């Protein structure tokens, strides 16, 4: 499993600073997810104020 970020992302960066595995990297429109690093700890899901991050099966 991994996470996906949808168009509700506002680019606030909360997920970037929360991810303990550094699986999210800054990008122009919304963060990119590095699937190989994501442990699906759900920290980014919990901190996202827009509800733009969800768990998905890769």
N, C-alpha and C. Protein backbone atom coordinates (compact mmCIF):
# COMPACT_ATOMS: atom_id res chain seq x y z
N UNK A 1 0.83 -1.18 0.00
CA UNK A 1 0.00 0.00 0.00
C UNK A 1 0.88 1.24 0.00
N UNK A 2 0.27 2.33 -0.44
CA UNK A 2 0.93 3.62 -0.44
C UNK A 2 -0.14 4.69 -0.29
N UNK A 3 0.20 5.93 -0.51
CA UNK A 3 -0.78 7.01 -0.45
C UNK A 3 -0.84 7.73 -1.78
N UNK A 4 -1.96 8.38 -2.02
CA UNK A 4 -2.16 9.18 -3.22
C UNK A 4 -2.67 10.54 -2.80
N UNK A 5 -2.28 11.56 -3.54
CA UNK A 5 -2.69 12.93 -3.26
C UNK A 5 -3.56 13.41 -4.41
N UNK A 6 -4.76 13.91 -4.09
CA UNK A 6 -5.67 14.34 -5.15
C UNK A 6 -5.67 15.86 -5.32
N UNK A 7 -6.55 16.33 -6.18
CA UNK A 7 -6.58 17.75 -6.55
C UNK A 7 -7.04 18.69 -5.44
N UNK A 8 -7.51 18.17 -4.34
CA UNK A 8 -7.88 19.03 -3.21
C UNK A 8 -6.65 19.59 -2.51
N UNK A 9 -5.46 19.07 -2.83
CA UNK A 9 -4.21 19.51 -2.21
C UNK A 9 -4.03 21.02 -2.43
N UNK A 10 -3.75 21.71 -1.35
CA UNK A 10 -3.53 23.16 -1.41
C UNK A 10 -2.05 23.52 -1.44
N UNK A 11 -1.20 22.53 -1.32
CA UNK A 11 0.24 22.78 -1.32
C UNK A 11 0.76 23.38 -0.03
N UNK A 12 0.08 23.13 1.07
CA UNK A 12 0.47 23.73 2.36
C UNK A 12 1.79 23.19 2.90
N UNK A 13 2.15 21.96 2.52
CA UNK A 13 3.41 21.37 2.95
C UNK A 13 3.37 20.63 4.28
N UNK A 14 2.21 20.56 4.91
CA UNK A 14 2.12 19.87 6.20
C UNK A 14 2.56 18.41 6.09
N UNK A 15 2.19 17.76 5.02
CA UNK A 15 2.56 16.35 4.85
C UNK A 15 4.06 16.18 4.68
N UNK A 16 4.69 17.12 4.03
CA UNK A 16 6.13 17.03 3.79
C UNK A 16 6.92 17.01 5.09
N UNK A 17 6.54 17.85 6.01
CA UNK A 17 7.26 17.94 7.27
C UNK A 17 6.85 16.86 8.27
N UNK A 18 5.74 16.20 8.02
CA UNK A 18 5.23 15.17 8.93
C UNK A 18 5.75 13.78 8.61
N UNK A 19 6.00 13.49 7.36
CA UNK A 19 6.37 12.14 6.94
C UNK A 19 7.71 11.72 7.55
N UNK A 20 7.71 10.69 8.39
CA UNK A 20 8.96 10.23 9.02
C UNK A 20 9.91 9.54 8.05
N UNK A 21 9.38 9.06 6.94
CA UNK A 21 10.19 8.33 5.96
C UNK A 21 10.65 9.21 4.80
N UNK A 22 10.23 10.47 4.81
CA UNK A 22 10.54 11.41 3.71
C UNK A 22 10.08 10.83 2.37
N UNK A 23 8.89 10.27 2.39
CA UNK A 23 8.32 9.66 1.19
C UNK A 23 7.58 10.66 0.32
N UNK A 24 7.45 11.88 0.80
CA UNK A 24 6.79 12.94 0.04
C UNK A 24 7.81 14.01 -0.28
N UNK A 25 7.83 14.43 -1.55
CA UNK A 25 8.76 15.47 -1.96
C UNK A 25 8.00 16.61 -2.62
N UNK A 26 8.49 17.82 -2.42
CA UNK A 26 7.83 19.01 -2.97
C UNK A 26 7.85 18.98 -4.50
N UNK A 27 6.76 19.42 -5.08
CA UNK A 27 6.63 19.54 -6.53
C UNK A 27 5.77 20.77 -6.81
N UNK A 28 5.76 21.27 -8.04
CA UNK A 28 5.05 22.52 -8.33
C UNK A 28 3.56 22.55 -7.95
N UNK A 29 2.81 21.51 -8.25
CA UNK A 29 1.36 21.55 -7.99
C UNK A 29 0.97 20.87 -6.69
N UNK A 30 1.55 19.74 -6.42
CA UNK A 30 1.28 18.99 -5.20
C UNK A 30 2.45 18.05 -4.96
N UNK A 31 2.65 17.61 -3.74
CA UNK A 31 3.79 16.72 -3.45
C UNK A 31 3.71 15.42 -4.24
N UNK A 32 4.87 14.87 -4.49
CA UNK A 32 4.97 13.57 -5.14
C UNK A 32 5.24 12.52 -4.08
N UNK A 33 4.71 11.33 -4.29
CA UNK A 33 4.89 10.23 -3.34
C UNK A 33 5.94 9.28 -3.90
N UNK A 34 6.95 8.98 -3.10
CA UNK A 34 7.94 7.97 -3.48
C UNK A 34 7.46 6.66 -2.84
N UNK A 35 6.81 5.85 -3.65
CA UNK A 35 6.16 4.62 -3.16
C UNK A 35 7.12 3.70 -2.41
N UNK A 36 8.35 3.61 -2.85
CA UNK A 36 9.31 2.70 -2.22
C UNK A 36 9.64 3.12 -0.79
N UNK A 37 9.46 4.38 -0.46
CA UNK A 37 9.76 4.86 0.90
C UNK A 37 8.53 4.85 1.81
N UNK A 38 7.35 4.92 1.24
CA UNK A 38 6.12 5.04 2.03
C UNK A 38 5.84 3.75 2.80
N UNK A 39 5.67 3.87 4.10
CA UNK A 39 5.35 2.72 4.96
C UNK A 39 3.87 2.74 5.36
N UNK A 40 3.10 3.64 4.79
CA UNK A 40 1.67 3.80 5.06
C UNK A 40 1.42 3.99 6.56
N UNK A 41 2.21 4.86 7.18
CA UNK A 41 2.02 5.14 8.61
C UNK A 41 0.81 6.05 8.84
N UNK A 42 0.34 6.68 7.78
CA UNK A 42 -0.84 7.53 7.78
C UNK A 42 -0.65 8.88 8.46
N UNK A 43 0.56 9.24 8.80
CA UNK A 43 0.82 10.54 9.41
C UNK A 43 0.41 11.67 8.47
N UNK A 44 0.70 11.52 7.18
CA UNK A 44 0.34 12.57 6.22
C UNK A 44 -1.18 12.68 6.06
N UNK A 45 -1.86 11.54 6.10
CA UNK A 45 -3.32 11.54 5.98
C UNK A 45 -3.94 12.30 7.15
N UNK A 46 -3.43 12.04 8.34
CA UNK A 46 -3.96 12.67 9.55
C UNK A 46 -3.72 14.17 9.59
N UNK A 47 -2.60 14.63 9.04
CA UNK A 47 -2.24 16.04 9.14
C UNK A 47 -2.79 16.89 7.98
N UNK A 48 -3.23 16.30 6.92
CA UNK A 48 -3.69 17.05 5.75
C UNK A 48 -4.98 17.81 6.04
N UNK A 49 -4.95 19.16 6.04
CA UNK A 49 -6.14 19.93 6.35
C UNK A 49 -7.21 19.88 5.25
N UNK A 50 -6.79 19.54 4.04
CA UNK A 50 -7.74 19.50 2.92
C UNK A 50 -8.33 18.11 2.68
N UNK A 51 -7.83 17.11 3.39
CA UNK A 51 -8.30 15.74 3.17
C UNK A 51 -7.94 15.21 1.80
N UNK A 52 -6.80 15.66 1.28
CA UNK A 52 -6.40 15.34 -0.08
C UNK A 52 -5.57 14.06 -0.21
N UNK A 53 -5.24 13.42 0.91
CA UNK A 53 -4.39 12.25 0.87
C UNK A 53 -5.18 11.03 1.33
N UNK A 54 -5.05 9.96 0.57
CA UNK A 54 -5.77 8.74 0.91
C UNK A 54 -4.87 7.53 0.70
N UNK A 55 -5.18 6.47 1.36
CA UNK A 55 -4.45 5.22 1.24
C UNK A 55 -4.92 4.49 -0.02
N UNK A 56 -3.97 3.96 -0.80
CA UNK A 56 -4.32 3.22 -2.00
C UNK A 56 -3.47 1.95 -2.10
N UNK A 57 -3.96 0.98 -2.85
CA UNK A 57 -3.20 -0.23 -3.13
C UNK A 57 -2.40 0.01 -4.39
N UNK A 58 -1.10 -0.15 -4.29
CA UNK A 58 -0.22 0.10 -5.45
C UNK A 58 -0.03 -1.15 -6.26
